[in-house]
């Protein structure tokens, strides 16, 4: 299976995780507690997504997912 054939919901969840992490990284982030809770929720969704059961190299696929979500986020911001 091609590790770049991620389900859309998984890529969207990773993009949401990235955005939440960036918002939390801002000094004196507004409502930091809510951002931390959201980050934990998204982390659980990412970790336990059924897609990972079908991948032979999960660490490599997770890295590729993070790279793909960052690239899409940059492309959408442009």
Foldseek 3Di string as FASTA:
>chain_A
DDLVPDDPVLLVLLLVLVVLVVQLPPVPRPPNVVSVVSNVVSVVCNVPPPVQVVDPDNVVSVVVSNVVSVVVVVVVVD
